[in-house]
Amino acid sequence: MAFDRVIVATLTPLWPLLDAEERPAVVSEVARSVTRAIVIAPFHIRFAVESVSIVIGLCIVLISAGAGGPLARTLRTDRFYRLLQRLPGSAGSVIRLYRSMTLLAFYDEAPVAEKLLAARPAQNS
């Protein structure tokens, strides 16, 4: 799907524990996972998500154009996503779907899970 990577990359958390080498690999794997999940969805869901994601992806590209850096792009896309989620209809539903699948896939990635487990406090047994 054409705009999965753009949407997933903007929804992936900016997590400071991932270094510069790990982040692109994690984002690529998360985008692959989300795309796979959408591809195997029933036709009526896949068709709706693909149709709406084209419009959302184009809007994200236009919104991100001219943004100063990654933080400015993130702020712009976050505002756009919040606006879409408040609107009735399929756009808000598609953003919620992408957001939930992106977060689940992100926390399921090995580098993220390892750092989460390493960061948690030692539990008394």
Protein backbone atom coordinates (compact mmCIF):
# COMPACT_ATOMS: atom_id res chain seq x y z
CA MET A 1 0.00 0.00 0.00
CA ALA A 2 1.31 3.36 -1.02
CA PHE A 3 1.12 5.46 2.13
CA ASP A 4 1.43 2.88 4.92
CA ARG A 5 5.08 3.70 5.55
CA VAL A 6 4.39 7.46 5.71
CA ILE A 7 1.50 7.06 8.15
CA VAL A 8 3.26 4.47 10.32
CA ALA A 9 6.49 6.49 10.45
CA THR A 10 4.60 9.51 11.77
CA LEU A 11 2.68 7.43 14.31
CA THR A 12 5.71 5.54 15.64
CA PRO A 13 6.72 6.97 19.03
CA LEU A 14 9.88 9.05 19.23
CA TRP A 15 11.40 6.83 21.86
CA PRO A 16 14.71 8.11 23.25
CA LEU A 17 16.00 4.65 24.21
CA LEU A 18 16.36 3.65 20.55
CA ASP A 19 19.62 4.83 19.02
CA ALA A 20 20.00 6.29 15.53
CA GLU A 21 20.79 2.89 14.00
CA GLU A 22 17.91 0.99 15.59
CA ARG A 23 15.10 3.44 14.88
CA PRO A 24 15.00 3.12 11.05
CA ALA A 25 15.08 -0.68 11.31
CA VAL A 26 12.29 -0.68 13.89
CA VAL A 27 10.14 1.73 11.84
CA SER A 28 10.62 -0.42 8.71
CA GLU A 29 9.64 -3.58 10.55
CA VAL A 30 6.63 -1.89 12.17
CA ALA A 31 5.47 -0.61 8.76
CA ARG A 32 5.86 -4.11 7.31
CA SER A 33 3.84 -5.59 10.17
CA VAL A 34 1.03 -3.04 9.83
CA THR A 35 0.91 -3.49 6.05
CA ARG A 36 0.72 -7.27 6.45
CA ALA A 37 -2.16 -6.92 8.91
CA ILE A 38 -4.10 -4.68 6.54
CA VAL A 39 -3.44 -6.91 3.52
CA ILE A 40 -4.91 -9.97 5.24
CA ALA A 41 -7.98 -8.07 6.47
CA PRO A 42 -11.33 -8.76 4.81
CA PHE A 43 -11.85 -6.95 1.51
CA HIS A 44 -14.35 -4.40 2.81
CA ILE A 45 -11.97 -3.29 5.56
CA ARG A 46 -8.88 -3.36 3.33
CA PHE A 47 -10.63 -1.34 0.61
CA ALA A 48 -11.81 1.34 3.05
CA VAL A 49 -8.43 1.61 4.76
CA GLU A 50 -6.55 1.81 1.44
CA SER A 51 -8.92 4.45 0.07
CA VAL A 52 -8.73 6.68 3.12
CA SER A 53 -4.98 6.15 3.64
CA ILE A 54 -4.22 7.59 0.20
CA VAL A 55 -5.91 10.86 1.12
CA ILE A 56 -4.36 10.90 4.61
CA GLY A 57 -0.91 10.09 3.23
CA LEU A 58 -1.10 12.89 0.68
CA CYS A 59 -2.17 15.32 3.41
CA ILE A 60 0.74 14.22 5.60
CA VAL A 61 3.22 14.76 2.77
CA LEU A 62 1.80 18.24 2.16
CA ILE A 63 1.73 19.08 5.88
CA SER A 64 5.31 17.87 6.37
CA ALA A 65 6.67 19.83 3.42
CA GLY A 66 8.64 22.78 4.68
CA ALA A 67 8.67 21.63 8.28
CA GLY A 68 11.94 22.51 9.99
CA GLY A 69 12.89 19.09 11.28
CA PRO A 70 11.54 15.85 12.72
CA LEU A 71 10.05 17.55 15.78
CA ALA A 72 8.19 20.14 13.70
CA ARG A 73 6.87 17.37 11.40
CA THR A 74 5.76 15.36 14.41
CA LEU A 75 3.90 18.32 15.92
CA ARG A 76 2.15 19.07 12.62
CA THR A 77 1.09 15.49 12.02
CA ASP A 78 -0.05 15.05 15.64
CA ARG A 79 -2.35 18.06 15.28
CA PHE A 80 -3.66 16.68 11.99
CA TYR A 81 -4.32 13.25 13.53
CA ARG A 82 -6.11 14.81 16.51
CA LEU A 83 -8.32 16.76 14.11
CA LEU A 84 -9.13 13.63 12.10
CA GLN A 85 -9.96 11.63 15.22
CA ARG A 86 -12.52 14.25 16.27
CA LEU A 87 -14.30 14.11 12.92
CA PRO A 88 -17.08 11.60 12.39
CA GLY A 89 -16.61 9.07 9.65
CA SER A 90 -14.01 6.74 8.33
CA ALA A 91 -10.92 8.99 8.54
CA GLY A 92 -10.94 8.97 12.33
CA SER A 93 -11.52 5.23 12.38
CA VAL A 94 -8.63 4.61 10.01
CA ILE A 95 -6.28 6.76 12.10
CA ARG A 96 -7.30 4.89 15.26
CA LEU A 97 -6.69 1.60 13.44
CA TYR A 98 -3.24 2.69 12.25
CA ARG A 99 -2.35 4.11 15.66
CA SER A 100 -3.29 0.95 17.56
CA MET A 101 -1.61 -1.40 15.09
CA THR A 102 1.52 0.77 15.01
CA LEU A 103 1.83 0.85 18.80
CA LEU A 104 1.25 -2.88 19.14
CA ALA A 105 3.83 -3.64 16.45
CA PHE A 106 6.29 -1.11 17.94
CA TYR A 107 6.23 -2.62 21.43
CA ASP A 108 6.45 -6.09 19.91
CA GLU A 109 9.78 -5.34 18.19
CA ALA A 110 12.78 -7.08 19.77
CA PRO A 111 14.96 -3.97 20.35
CA VAL A 112 12.06 -2.14 21.99
CA ALA A 113 11.04 -5.10 24.14
CA GLU A 114 14.64 -5.68 25.26
CA LYS A 115 15.07 -2.05 26.29
CA LEU A 116 11.72 -2.04 28.08
CA LEU A 117 12.66 -5.14 30.05
CA ALA A 118 16.10 -3.74 30.86
CA ALA A 119 14.61 -0.42 32.01
CA ARG A 120 12.03 -1.85 34.38
CA PRO A 121 12.99 -1.91 38.07
CA ALA A 122 14.14 -5.19 39.59
CA GLN A 123 11.25 -7.01 41.19
CA ASN A 124 11.54 -8.76 44.51
CA SER A 125 10.90 -12.46 44.14
